[in-house]
Protein backbone atom coordinates (compact mmCIF):
# COMPACT_ATOMS: atom_id res chain seq x y z
CA UNK A 1 -19.95 -22.23 43.99
CA UNK A 2 -18.91 -19.87 41.02
CA UNK A 3 -19.51 -22.53 38.34
CA UNK A 4 -23.26 -22.68 39.94
CA UNK A 5 -23.79 -19.23 39.61
CA UNK A 6 -22.49 -18.99 36.08
CA UNK A 7 -25.16 -21.87 35.19
CA UNK A 8 -27.68 -20.15 36.71
CA UNK A 9 -26.87 -17.17 34.35
CA UNK A 10 -26.80 -19.19 31.31
CA UNK A 11 -30.31 -20.61 31.72
CA UNK A 12 -31.51 -16.87 32.58
CA UNK A 13 -29.84 -15.88 28.92
CA UNK A 14 -31.99 -16.08 26.08
CA UNK A 15 -29.08 -16.79 23.55
CA UNK A 16 -26.11 -18.83 25.29
CA UNK A 17 -22.84 -17.10 25.89
CA UNK A 18 -19.53 -18.82 26.09
CA UNK A 19 -17.81 -18.72 29.35
CA UNK A 20 -15.29 -16.04 28.40
CA UNK A 21 -18.08 -13.65 27.47
CA UNK A 22 -19.98 -14.62 30.79
CA UNK A 23 -17.09 -13.85 32.92
CA UNK A 24 -16.32 -10.48 31.03
CA UNK A 25 -19.90 -9.37 31.39
CA UNK A 26 -19.72 -10.39 35.27
CA UNK A 27 -16.77 -8.48 35.37
CA UNK A 28 -18.36 -5.21 33.97
CA UNK A 29 -21.62 -5.48 36.21
CA UNK A 30 -19.38 -5.96 39.08
CA UNK A 31 -17.42 -2.40 38.42
CA UNK A 32 -21.03 -0.86 37.51
CA UNK A 33 -22.39 -2.15 40.88
CA UNK A 34 -19.61 -0.75 43.09
CA UNK A 35 -19.51 2.65 40.61
CA UNK A 36 -21.29 6.32 40.89
CA UNK A 37 -23.82 6.77 38.53
CA UNK A 38 -21.93 8.83 36.03
CA UNK A 39 -18.83 6.34 35.63
CA UNK A 40 -17.55 5.57 32.23
CA UNK A 41 -15.83 2.27 31.77
CA UNK A 42 -14.31 0.90 28.59
CA UNK A 43 -14.24 -2.91 27.49
CA UNK A 44 -11.86 -4.40 25.04
CA UNK A 45 -12.19 -7.32 23.24
CA UNK A 46 -10.85 -8.76 19.99
CA UNK A 47 -12.87 -8.64 16.60
CA UNK A 48 -14.92 -11.80 16.15
CA UNK A 49 -14.77 -12.21 19.90
CA UNK A 50 -18.51 -11.25 20.04
CA UNK A 51 -18.61 -8.12 21.76
CA UNK A 52 -22.51 -7.12 20.38
CA UNK A 53 -23.53 -10.24 21.99
CA UNK A 54 -21.95 -9.52 25.04
CA UNK A 55 -23.39 -6.12 25.54
CA UNK A 56 -26.98 -7.27 24.12
CA UNK A 57 -27.13 -9.45 27.33
CA UNK A 58 -25.82 -6.43 29.21
CA UNK A 59 -28.58 -4.28 28.39
CA UNK A 60 -31.19 -7.30 28.87
CA UNK A 61 -29.94 -7.93 32.41
CA UNK A 62 -29.95 -3.89 33.20
CA UNK A 63 -33.29 -3.26 31.96
CA UNK A 64 -34.69 -6.53 33.98
CA UNK A 65 -32.38 -5.33 37.26
CA UNK A 66 -32.77 -1.52 37.42
CA UNK A 67 -35.98 -0.84 34.76
CA UNK A 68 -34.34 1.87 33.47
CA UNK A 69 -33.59 2.78 29.68
CA UNK A 70 -30.40 2.06 27.64
CA UNK A 71 -28.92 3.96 24.71
CA UNK A 72 -26.68 2.11 22.17
CA UNK A 73 -24.30 4.47 20.13
CA UNK A 74 -22.83 3.38 16.70
CA UNK A 75 -21.01 5.26 13.86
CA UNK A 76 -22.64 3.50 10.96
CA UNK A 77 -26.24 2.70 9.74
CA UNK A 78 -25.24 -0.73 9.40
CA UNK A 79 -24.43 -1.15 12.49
CA UNK A 80 -27.28 0.26 14.10
CA UNK A 81 -29.24 -2.59 11.98
CA UNK A 82 -26.98 -5.26 13.05
CA UNK A 83 -27.11 -4.17 16.78
CA UNK A 84 -30.97 -4.01 16.44
CA UNK A 85 -31.16 -7.42 15.05
CA UNK A 86 -28.97 -8.79 17.84
CA UNK A 87 -30.95 -7.15 20.62
CA UNK A 88 -34.28 -8.61 19.27
CA UNK A 89 -32.46 -12.14 19.58
CA UNK A 90 -31.95 -11.42 23.12
CA UNK A 91 -35.89 -10.38 23.35
CA UNK A 92 -34.93 -6.88 24.00
CA UNK A 93 -37.63 -4.57 22.55
CA UNK A 94 -35.69 -1.73 20.66
CA UNK A 95 -36.21 1.16 18.34
CA UNK A 96 -33.87 2.46 15.83
CA UNK A 97 -33.38 6.37 16.12
CA UNK A 98 -32.34 7.03 12.26
CA UNK A 99 -32.40 9.96 10.30
CA UNK A 100 -36.38 9.32 9.54
CA UNK A 101 -37.28 9.82 13.12
CA UNK A 102 -37.69 13.19 14.21
CA UNK A 103 -39.48 12.79 17.43
CA UNK A 104 -40.43 9.83 19.98
CA UNK A 105 -43.75 10.14 20.99
CA UNK A 106 -44.00 6.25 21.48
CA UNK A 107 -40.68 6.43 23.51
CA UNK A 108 -42.59 4.75 26.61
CA UNK A 109 -43.23 1.75 24.81
CA UNK A 110 -39.26 0.83 24.87
CA UNK A 111 -36.68 0.59 27.13
CA UNK A 112 -33.87 0.36 24.52
CA UNK A 113 -32.60 2.92 21.63
CA UNK A 114 -30.25 2.51 19.05
CA UNK A 115 -28.82 5.46 17.08
CA UNK A 116 -26.61 7.03 14.88
CA UNK A 117 -24.08 9.24 17.04
CA UNK A 118 -24.53 12.23 14.29
CA UNK A 119 -28.54 11.61 14.16
CA UNK A 120 -28.86 11.67 17.74
CA UNK A 121 -26.56 14.52 18.19
CA UNK A 122 -28.80 16.57 15.59
CA UNK A 123 -31.98 15.39 17.48
CA UNK A 124 -30.78 16.30 21.08
CA UNK A 125 -29.03 20.00 19.84
CA UNK A 126 -32.55 20.66 18.09
CA UNK A 127 -34.37 19.85 21.37
CA UNK A 128 -37.13 17.82 19.28
CA UNK A 129 -36.16 14.92 20.89
CA UNK A 130 -35.77 14.14 24.41
CA UNK A 131 -35.09 10.53 26.14
CA UNK A 132 -36.20 10.30 29.69
CA UNK A 133 -35.08 8.05 32.25
CA UNK A 134 -31.92 6.77 30.81
CA UNK A 135 -29.76 4.77 32.90
CA UNK A 136 -26.94 3.37 30.60
CA UNK A 137 -25.20 4.40 27.72
CA UNK A 138 -23.36 1.78 25.48
CA UNK A 139 -20.74 3.03 22.79
CA UNK A 140 -19.73 0.54 20.32
CA UNK A 141 -16.53 0.76 18.60
CA UNK A 142 -15.46 3.61 21.33
CA UNK A 143 -12.26 4.48 19.71
CA UNK A 144 -14.06 6.94 17.25
CA UNK A 145 -13.81 10.53 18.68
CA UNK A 146 -17.24 11.34 17.03
CA UNK A 147 -19.21 10.05 20.33
CA UNK A 148 -17.37 12.65 22.85
CA UNK A 149 -20.02 15.38 21.72
CA UNK A 150 -22.84 13.29 23.27
CA UNK A 151 -21.23 12.89 26.56
CA UNK A 152 -22.64 16.04 27.60
CA UNK A 153 -26.48 14.64 27.27
CA UNK A 154 -25.89 11.61 29.32
CA UNK A 155 -23.46 13.17 32.34
CA UNK A 156 -25.61 11.23 34.99
CA UNK A 157 -25.72 7.89 33.32
CA UNK A 158 -23.31 4.86 33.24
CA UNK A 159 -21.04 4.84 29.95
CA UNK A 160 -19.75 1.56 28.68
CA UNK A 161 -17.37 2.09 25.82
CA UNK A 162 -16.89 -0.92 23.62
CA UNK A 163 -13.76 -1.43 21.27
CA UNK A 164 -11.13 -4.14 19.95
CA UNK A 165 -8.56 -1.42 20.38
CA UNK A 166 -8.59 1.33 23.06
CA UNK A 167 -6.60 3.74 21.36
CA UNK A 168 -8.21 6.87 20.24
CA UNK A 169 -8.58 7.68 16.18
CA UNK A 170 -7.20 11.04 17.23
CA UNK A 171 -4.00 11.32 19.07
CA UNK A 172 -4.95 14.72 20.28
CA UNK A 173 -7.89 12.99 22.33
CA UNK A 174 -6.79 10.28 24.50
CA UNK A 175 -9.24 7.59 25.66
CA UNK A 176 -8.19 7.79 29.26
CA UNK A 177 -9.46 11.38 29.09
CA UNK A 178 -13.12 9.82 28.83
CA UNK A 179 -13.00 6.76 30.43
CA UNK A 180 -12.36 5.76 34.14
CA UNK A 181 -11.23 2.32 33.94
CA UNK A 182 -10.22 -0.27 31.03
CA UNK A 183 -11.32 -4.04 31.38
CA UNK A 184 -9.50 -5.94 28.88
CA UNK A 185 -11.04 -9.34 27.60
CA UNK A 186 -9.42 -12.63 26.22
CA UNK A 187 -6.61 -11.80 23.70
CA UNK A 188 -6.40 -13.06 20.10
CA UNK A 189 -4.17 -15.86 20.75
CA UNK A 190 -6.26 -17.25 23.84
CA UNK A 191 -9.20 -17.29 21.57
CA UNK A 192 -7.40 -19.14 18.86
CA UNK A 193 -6.57 -21.54 20.96
CA UNK A 194 -9.87 -22.44 22.60
CA UNK A 195 -11.47 -22.29 18.98
CA UNK A 196 -13.19 -18.99 18.88
CA UNK A 197 -10.99 -17.33 16.24
CA UNK A 198 -9.24 -18.62 13.06
CA UNK A 199 -5.51 -18.75 12.78
CA UNK A 200 -3.61 -16.21 10.44
CA UNK A 201 -0.93 -17.23 8.01
CA UNK A 202 0.91 -14.07 7.60
CA UNK A 203 3.29 -13.39 4.66
CA UNK A 204 4.70 -9.93 4.02
CA UNK A 205 6.54 -8.75 0.71
CA UNK A 206 9.14 -6.19 0.51
CA UNK A 207 7.95 -2.85 -0.24
CA UNK A 208 9.74 0.53 -0.15
CA UNK A 209 7.57 3.22 1.32
CA UNK A 210 9.97 6.04 1.40
CA UNK A 211 7.20 8.20 -1.09
CA UNK A 212 4.60 8.05 1.58
CA UNK A 213 3.67 11.15 3.36
CA UNK A 214 2.12 11.33 6.86
CA UNK A 215 -1.02 13.66 7.13
CA UNK A 216 -2.21 15.75 10.09
CA UNK A 217 -4.11 12.67 11.57
CA UNK A 218 -1.04 10.56 11.82
CA UNK A 219 -1.36 7.96 9.18
CA UNK A 220 -0.38 7.85 5.62
CA UNK A 221 -1.94 10.26 3.04
CA UNK A 222 -4.25 8.60 0.39
CA UNK A 223 -2.47 11.04 -2.33
CA UNK A 224 0.87 9.68 -1.48
CA UNK A 225 -0.55 6.01 -1.17
CA UNK A 226 -2.14 6.01 -4.57
CA UNK A 227 0.94 7.14 -6.12
CA UNK A 228 2.82 4.45 -4.86
CA UNK A 229 0.13 1.68 -5.11
CA UNK A 230 -1.31 2.38 -8.77
CA UNK A 231 2.06 2.31 -10.40
CA UNK A 232 2.94 -0.72 -12.44
CA UNK A 233 5.56 -2.15 -10.30
CA UNK A 234 3.09 -2.19 -7.26
CA UNK A 235 0.59 -3.51 -8.99
CA UNK A 236 2.44 -6.08 -10.54
CA UNK A 237 3.35 -7.27 -7.00
CA UNK A 238 -0.18 -7.49 -5.66
CA UNK A 239 -0.87 -9.66 -8.53
CA UNK A 240 2.15 -11.76 -8.11
CA UNK A 241 1.13 -11.94 -4.10
CA UNK A 242 -2.30 -13.29 -4.95
CA UNK A 243 -1.53 -15.82 -7.49
CA UNK A 244 1.71 -17.26 -5.53
CA UNK A 245 -0.38 -17.77 -2.36
CA UNK A 246 -4.34 -16.91 -2.51
CA UNK A 247 -5.39 -18.04 -6.08
CA UNK A 248 -8.77 -19.52 -6.24
CA UNK A 249 -9.42 -18.02 -2.41
CA UNK A 250 -12.20 -15.76 -1.47
CA UNK A 251 -10.16 -12.70 -1.02
CA UNK A 252 -10.98 -9.38 0.39
CA UNK A 253 -7.91 -6.43 -0.85
CA UNK A 254 -7.79 -3.36 1.14
CA UNK A 255 -6.69 -0.01 -0.37
CA UNK A 256 -5.65 3.52 0.79
CA UNK A 257 -7.75 5.39 -1.85
CA UNK A 258 -10.72 4.92 -4.24
CA UNK A 259 -8.34 5.10 -7.69
CA UNK A 260 -6.21 2.74 -6.16
CA UNK A 261 -9.03 0.18 -5.50
CA UNK A 262 -10.20 0.77 -9.17
CA UNK A 263 -6.95 0.07 -10.71
CA UNK A 264 -6.85 -2.99 -8.72
CA UNK A 265 -10.13 -4.01 -10.17
CA UNK A 266 -9.32 -3.25 -13.78
CA UNK A 267 -5.66 -5.09 -13.45
CA UNK A 268 -7.38 -8.29 -11.77
CA UNK A 269 -10.33 -7.91 -14.69
CA UNK A 270 -8.00 -7.92 -17.64
CA UNK A 271 -6.22 -11.08 -16.18
CA UNK A 272 -9.36 -12.71 -16.35
CA UNK A 273 -10.19 -12.77 -12.35
CA UNK A 274 -13.40 -12.79 -10.86
CA UNK A 275 -13.65 -9.63 -8.97
CA UNK A 276 -15.79 -6.52 -7.72
CA UNK A 277 -15.12 -2.84 -6.40
CA UNK A 278 -16.92 -1.47 -3.42
CA UNK A 279 -16.04 2.06 -1.91
CA UNK A 280 -18.33 4.54 -0.17
CA UNK A 281 -19.80 6.10 -3.38
CA UNK A 282 -21.86 2.92 -4.17
CA UNK A 283 -25.24 3.06 -3.59
CA UNK A 284 -27.01 1.04 -0.81
CA UNK A 285 -28.45 -1.08 -3.44
CA UNK A 286 -25.15 -2.13 -5.27
CA UNK A 287 -23.44 -2.55 -1.81
CA UNK A 288 -26.14 -4.83 -1.12
CA UNK A 289 -25.64 -6.58 -4.42
CA UNK A 290 -21.90 -6.68 -4.27
CA UNK A 291 -21.91 -8.11 -0.86
CA UNK A 292 -24.13 -10.85 -1.94
CA UNK A 293 -22.30 -11.65 -4.80
CA UNK A 294 -19.11 -11.81 -2.82
CA UNK A 295 -21.12 -14.01 -0.12
CA UNK A 296 -21.88 -16.58 -2.73
CA UNK A 297 -18.54 -16.73 -5.31
CA UNK A 298 -16.21 -19.17 -3.77
CA UNK A 299 -13.28 -17.51 -5.51
CA UNK A 300 -14.47 -13.99 -5.29
CA UNK A 301 -12.01 -11.22 -4.93
CA UNK A 302 -13.58 -7.72 -3.20
CA UNK A 303 -11.15 -4.93 -3.68
CA UNK A 304 -12.38 -1.85 -1.48
CA UNK A 305 -11.09 1.01 0.68
CA UNK A 306 -11.83 1.32 4.51
CA UNK A 307 -15.59 0.56 3.96
CA UNK A 308 -15.37 -2.89 4.97
CA UNK A 309 -13.22 -2.51 8.09
CA UNK A 310 -16.37 -2.31 10.51
CA UNK A 311 -20.00 -3.68 10.20
CA UNK A 312 -19.04 -6.45 7.92
CA UNK A 313 -18.99 -9.82 8.58
CA UNK A 314 -18.33 -12.67 6.15
CA UNK A 315 -16.83 -15.89 7.73
CA UNK A 316 -16.12 -17.53 4.36
CA UNK A 317 -13.16 -14.96 3.57
CA UNK A 318 -10.09 -17.22 3.08
CA UNK A 319 -7.45 -14.54 2.58
CA UNK A 320 -7.06 -10.93 3.13
CA UNK A 321 -4.60 -8.73 1.45
CA UNK A 322 -3.18 -5.56 3.00
CA UNK A 323 -2.45 -3.28 -0.28
CA UNK A 324 -1.62 -0.47 1.80
CA UNK A 325 0.42 0.88 4.53
CA UNK A 326 -0.90 2.33 7.72
CA UNK A 327 0.09 3.79 11.24
CA UNK A 328 -3.22 2.78 12.83
CA UNK A 329 -3.21 -0.24 15.16
CA UNK A 330 -6.89 0.01 15.18
CA UNK A 331 -7.21 -0.31 11.30
CA UNK A 332 -4.48 -2.96 11.44
CA UNK A 333 -6.42 -5.14 13.62
CA UNK A 334 -9.92 -4.25 11.91
CA UNK A 335 -8.34 -5.13 8.23
CA UNK A 336 -7.05 -8.57 9.67
CA UNK A 337 -9.90 -9.35 11.71
CA UNK A 338 -12.35 -9.45 8.57
CA UNK A 339 -10.88 -12.92 7.88
CA UNK A 340 -10.67 -14.19 11.50
CA UNK A 341 -14.38 -15.62 11.86
CA UNK A 342 -14.43 -19.47 12.16
CA UNK A 343 -16.51 -21.96 10.30
CA UNK A 344 -16.88 -25.90 10.55
CA UNK A 345 -14.41 -26.22 7.47
CA UNK A 346 -11.83 -23.14 8.38
CA UNK A 347 -9.81 -22.81 11.07
CA UNK A 348 -7.16 -20.68 9.38
CA UNK A 349 -6.82 -17.76 6.91
CA UNK A 350 -3.98 -15.99 5.02
CA UNK A 351 -2.74 -12.55 5.44
CA UNK A 352 -0.71 -10.83 2.74
CA UNK A 353 1.00 -7.80 3.75
CA UNK A 354 2.30 -5.22 0.92
CA UNK A 355 2.67 -2.50 3.59
CA UNK A 356 5.36 -3.49 6.18
CA UNK A 357 2.40 -3.55 8.48
CA UNK A 358 3.16 -6.91 10.39
CA UNK A 359 6.84 -5.57 10.74
CA UNK A 360 5.54 -2.28 12.06
CA UNK A 361 2.76 -3.66 14.49
CA UNK A 362 4.24 -7.05 15.22
CA UNK A 363 2.18 -10.39 14.25
CA UNK A 364 -1.89 -10.07 14.60
CA UNK A 365 -2.05 -12.71 17.19
CA UNK A 366 0.58 -11.72 19.40
CA UNK A 367 -0.18 -10.38 22.95
CA UNK A 368 -0.96 -6.40 23.22
CA UNK A 369 -0.55 -4.48 26.63
CA UNK A 370 -3.83 -2.43 26.33
CA UNK A 371 -3.76 -1.04 29.68
CA UNK A 372 -0.31 0.39 29.13
CA UNK A 373 -1.57 1.67 25.67
CA UNK A 374 -4.67 3.22 27.31
CA UNK A 375 -2.47 4.89 29.50
CA UNK A 376 0.08 6.15 27.82
CA UNK A 377 -0.82 6.36 24.22
CA UNK A 378 1.59 8.85 23.33
CA UNK A 379 4.61 6.77 24.26
CA UNK A 380 3.07 3.97 22.19
CA UNK A 381 2.53 5.98 19.15
CA UNK A 382 6.16 7.77 19.59
CA UNK A 383 7.84 4.25 19.40
CA UNK A 384 6.14 2.86 16.44
CA UNK A 385 9.03 1.64 13.94
CA UNK A 386 9.67 3.95 11.17
CA UNK A 387 9.85 2.76 7.44
CA UNK A 388 13.49 3.06 7.13
CA UNK A 389 14.47 0.76 9.89
CA UNK A 390 11.73 -1.68 8.67
CA UNK A 391 13.29 -1.64 5.27
CA UNK A 392 16.89 -1.91 6.49
CA UNK A 393 15.91 -5.17 8.57
CA UNK A 394 14.16 -6.61 5.87
CA UNK A 395 15.50 -9.85 4.36
CA UNK A 396 14.51 -11.16 1.09
CA UNK A 397 13.31 -14.70 0.91
CA UNK A 398 12.65 -16.27 -2.60
CA UNK A 399 9.01 -17.70 -2.86
CA UNK A 400 8.81 -21.38 -3.34
CA UNK A 401 7.17 -21.22 -6.75
CA UNK A 402 9.96 -18.80 -8.01
CA UNK A 403 12.57 -21.12 -6.58
CA UNK A 404 11.35 -24.25 -8.32
CA UNK A 405 12.13 -22.81 -11.28
CA UNK A 406 15.91 -22.52 -10.40
CA UNK A 407 15.78 -26.21 -9.12
CA UNK A 408 19.12 -26.98 -10.50
CA UNK A 409 20.90 -24.59 -8.60
CA UNK A 410 21.88 -25.59 -5.16
CA UNK A 411 22.55 -22.10 -3.73
CA UNK A 412 20.95 -18.98 -4.79
CA UNK A 413 21.89 -17.06 -1.54
CA UNK A 414 24.00 -13.66 -2.04
CA UNK A 415 25.57 -11.51 0.82
CA UNK A 416 25.66 -8.11 -0.67
CA UNK A 417 27.22 -6.47 2.38
CA UNK A 418 29.78 -9.27 2.51
CA UNK A 419 30.82 -9.11 -1.21
CA UNK A 420 30.87 -5.08 -0.54
CA UNK A 421 33.04 -5.28 2.56
CA UNK A 422 35.54 -7.97 0.45
CA UNK A 423 35.89 -5.81 -2.35
CA UNK A 424 36.63 -2.61 -0.70
CA UNK A 425 39.02 -4.63 1.77
CA UNK A 426 41.19 -5.74 -1.06
CA UNK A 427 41.13 -2.34 -2.63
CA UNK A 428 38.98 -2.75 -5.54
CA UNK A 429 35.93 -0.51 -6.86
CA UNK A 430 32.83 -0.77 -4.97
CA UNK A 431 30.79 -1.51 -7.87
CA UNK A 432 32.61 -4.99 -8.00
CA UNK A 433 29.83 -6.14 -5.36
CA UNK A 434 27.45 -5.61 -8.29
CA UNK A 435 29.47 -7.25 -10.65
CA UNK A 436 29.80 -10.36 -8.63
CA UNK A 437 25.81 -10.44 -8.07
CA UNK A 438 25.17 -10.34 -11.60
CA UNK A 439 27.60 -12.63 -12.20
CA UNK A 440 25.84 -15.19 -9.74
CA UNK A 441 22.38 -14.54 -11.28
CA UNK A 442 23.59 -14.88 -14.88
CA UNK A 443 25.06 -18.26 -13.70
CA UNK A 444 21.65 -19.39 -11.87
CA UNK A 445 19.31 -18.34 -14.99
CA UNK A 446 22.05 -20.39 -17.55
CA UNK A 447 22.00 -23.45 -15.39
CA UNK A 448 18.01 -23.63 -15.25
CA UNK A 449 17.80 -22.85 -19.42
CA UNK A 450 17.95 -24.30 -22.50
CA UNK A 451 18.28 -21.46 -24.71
CA UNK A 452 19.18 -17.97 -24.37
CA UNK A 453 15.48 -16.89 -25.09
CA UNK A 454 14.56 -18.88 -21.75
CA UNK A 455 17.52 -17.46 -19.58
CA UNK A 456 16.48 -13.69 -20.68
CA UNK A 457 12.85 -14.65 -19.54
CA UNK A 458 13.89 -15.80 -16.49
CA UNK A 459 15.68 -12.51 -15.60
CA UNK A 460 11.67 -11.31 -14.89
CA UNK A 461 11.66 -13.84 -12.04
CA UNK A 462 14.71 -12.13 -10.21
CA UNK A 463 13.15 -8.61 -10.11
CA UNK A 464 12.52 -8.64 -6.42
CA UNK A 465 15.61 -10.35 -5.61
CA UNK A 466 17.50 -7.86 -7.79
CA UNK A 467 15.74 -4.97 -6.25
CA UNK A 468 16.60 -6.15 -2.56
CA UNK A 469 20.35 -6.49 -3.71
CA UNK A 470 20.28 -3.14 -5.07
CA UNK A 471 18.81 -1.69 -1.86
CA UNK A 472 21.32 -3.30 0.33
CA UNK A 473 24.37 -2.22 -2.22
CA UNK A 474 22.81 1.40 -1.66
CA UNK A 475 23.12 1.26 2.20
CA UNK A 476 26.62 -0.02 1.86
CA UNK A 477 27.69 3.14 -0.13
CA UNK A 478 25.17 5.37 1.47
CA UNK A 479 23.40 6.19 -1.20
CA UNK A 480 20.05 5.16 -1.49
CA UNK A 481 18.34 7.95 -3.60
CA UNK A 482 15.65 6.64 -5.59
CA UNK A 483 16.94 7.90 -9.06
CA UNK A 484 20.14 6.34 -8.09
CA UNK A 485 18.44 3.05 -7.53
CA UNK A 486 16.19 3.02 -10.70
CA UNK A 487 19.34 3.93 -12.79
CA UNK A 488 20.82 0.92 -10.86
CA UNK A 489 17.95 -1.62 -11.54
CA UNK A 490 18.15 -0.71 -15.27
CA UNK A 491 22.01 -1.08 -15.76
CA UNK A 492 21.80 -4.35 -13.66
CA UNK A 493 19.01 -5.82 -15.72
CA UNK A 494 20.72 -4.85 -19.13
CA UNK A 495 23.96 -6.29 -17.99
CA UNK A 496 22.59 -9.27 -16.91
CA UNK A 497 20.65 -9.92 -20.25
CA UNK A 498 24.02 -9.19 -22.10
CA UNK A 499 25.97 -11.81 -20.10
CA UNK A 500 23.97 -14.73 -21.82
CA UNK A 501 25.53 -14.06 -25.14
CA UNK A 502 28.02 -16.58 -26.30
CA UNK A 503 26.92 -18.92 -23.31
CA UNK A 504 24.48 -21.07 -25.28
C-alpha cells in the first residue's frame, strides 16, 4: 500500500524526488499534521542530499493543502537566488525580498517569499513591511544563530529548520533550545552506497598545531592560523601535497584567512599552476567571473576562505584541500561536501587534510549520532580531541612518490621510542637514538645515490620523516619545546649531510 502512495506522490510532484527524499518529506508532514501551529522541527540531511529540492516540494504541497503563505529564510544572497530558482522549477510562484524591496504592495499575488535574514529583520522591525497569513517558515542552514531574532515575528507558525549539521554555530545557544524535535535523514555512507554522493579518498599530512590559539567562538583564530599557514614550511607542505596527490585535478583549497589564501595563490602562481584567489572582498562581478573560470578550467585551482562553504555547487571538483585546522564540525562537513557531488564520470573525489581535521572528527563518511549531538551539544564539544593527543598518535608513512626514490633500500622504518629505550637501558646517553637515526638515514641516501651531491639532495626528501622522528624523540625526553625541536632539526640535517664525506 505504501508503494502506491509514494507513486501517487511522485506523479503529483512537478520535479521527481528520490525515494529517500520522499520518505523524509512524508515524515516531516506527519510531524506537522500531528503538531500544534507553533511547532519547531529540525531536519538533518548531508550536504549534497538535496535539502533544497525537498523543502521546495514541501512548500508546493503545503500551499496546495493549506492555502497559507510560506517564508523561506537564508543567510546569503546567493542562497536566496538558488532557492527562488528551485521553487520556480516546482511551479511555486515566489518573490525574493532583497535590499531593494522596501514594501510589499503586491504580496497578495504570492504565496511564497524568500528573504535574507538581515533584510527581513530590518523591514519587520521598521514596520515598513508586513507579511500576512504566514503558516510555515523554512530556515535554510539553520545552524546559524542569526535566524533566532526572527522567531518572535512568526510565533504562531510552523517552523522547519534545515541543516546538514544540527550543531549550533554559537556554543552558548544550543539548537535544542529553539527546536522541539529533530528528524535525521540518510547518512553519508548510505547516500554513497546508493549512488547519490561520491566516495571521498582521504589523506592526512602531519602538521604541528601547537601555535594555534582558540578564539571566543570556539574555533582557531585567523591570526594564529595565518602565522602558521603562511610560513615557508607549511606552504611547501601544501605544494608537496598537491603535486603528490592532486596535480592536474580541479582543486578547491580552503584557508583560514585572506592573507593565507593570497600567499597560497602567489606560491602556486610562481610554480606555474593555473590558480585563482577568491574572498569576500571580491566584487559580485569578480566572483562571477572567477567561478565561471573555475567551472571551465579542468586543471583549475581555486584558493579561498570560507566563502565557498555554502551556496556553491560545482560537481566537477575532483580534489578538496583543507589547508586549515578547524574545531567546527559544521565547517568540516561543509568543506568536504563541496567535492561530494556525483557526475556520470565521477564517483569519487580526493580530500587532502593539512589540519588534523580527519583525526579530530573522524572520516567524513562515518556514522554520526546527530540525535545525541542535538540533545547534548556540550558533551560533544567537550570531547573533541585536543591537538596534542592527535599529534602524539600520528604515525608518519612515507608517500609512495618519495619511497620510490629510495627503492634500493629494503627497510626504511625506524622506531625512535624503541631505540631510545634500548640506548637508555644500556646506560648510553639518550642522544644515541638520534645518532642511530642519522646513521640509518645516511645509509639509505648513500644506497640510492651515485654521488655525494645526489645524496645531499636526497636529504630534502626526508624532511617530514626527520621532523616526525625528532618529535618522537622530544616525547621520549619530555622536551618538545619548539626552540629545541628547531635546533635539533638544524643539527640533525647538518650531521646527516656531513655523514656522506668520504663515502663516495
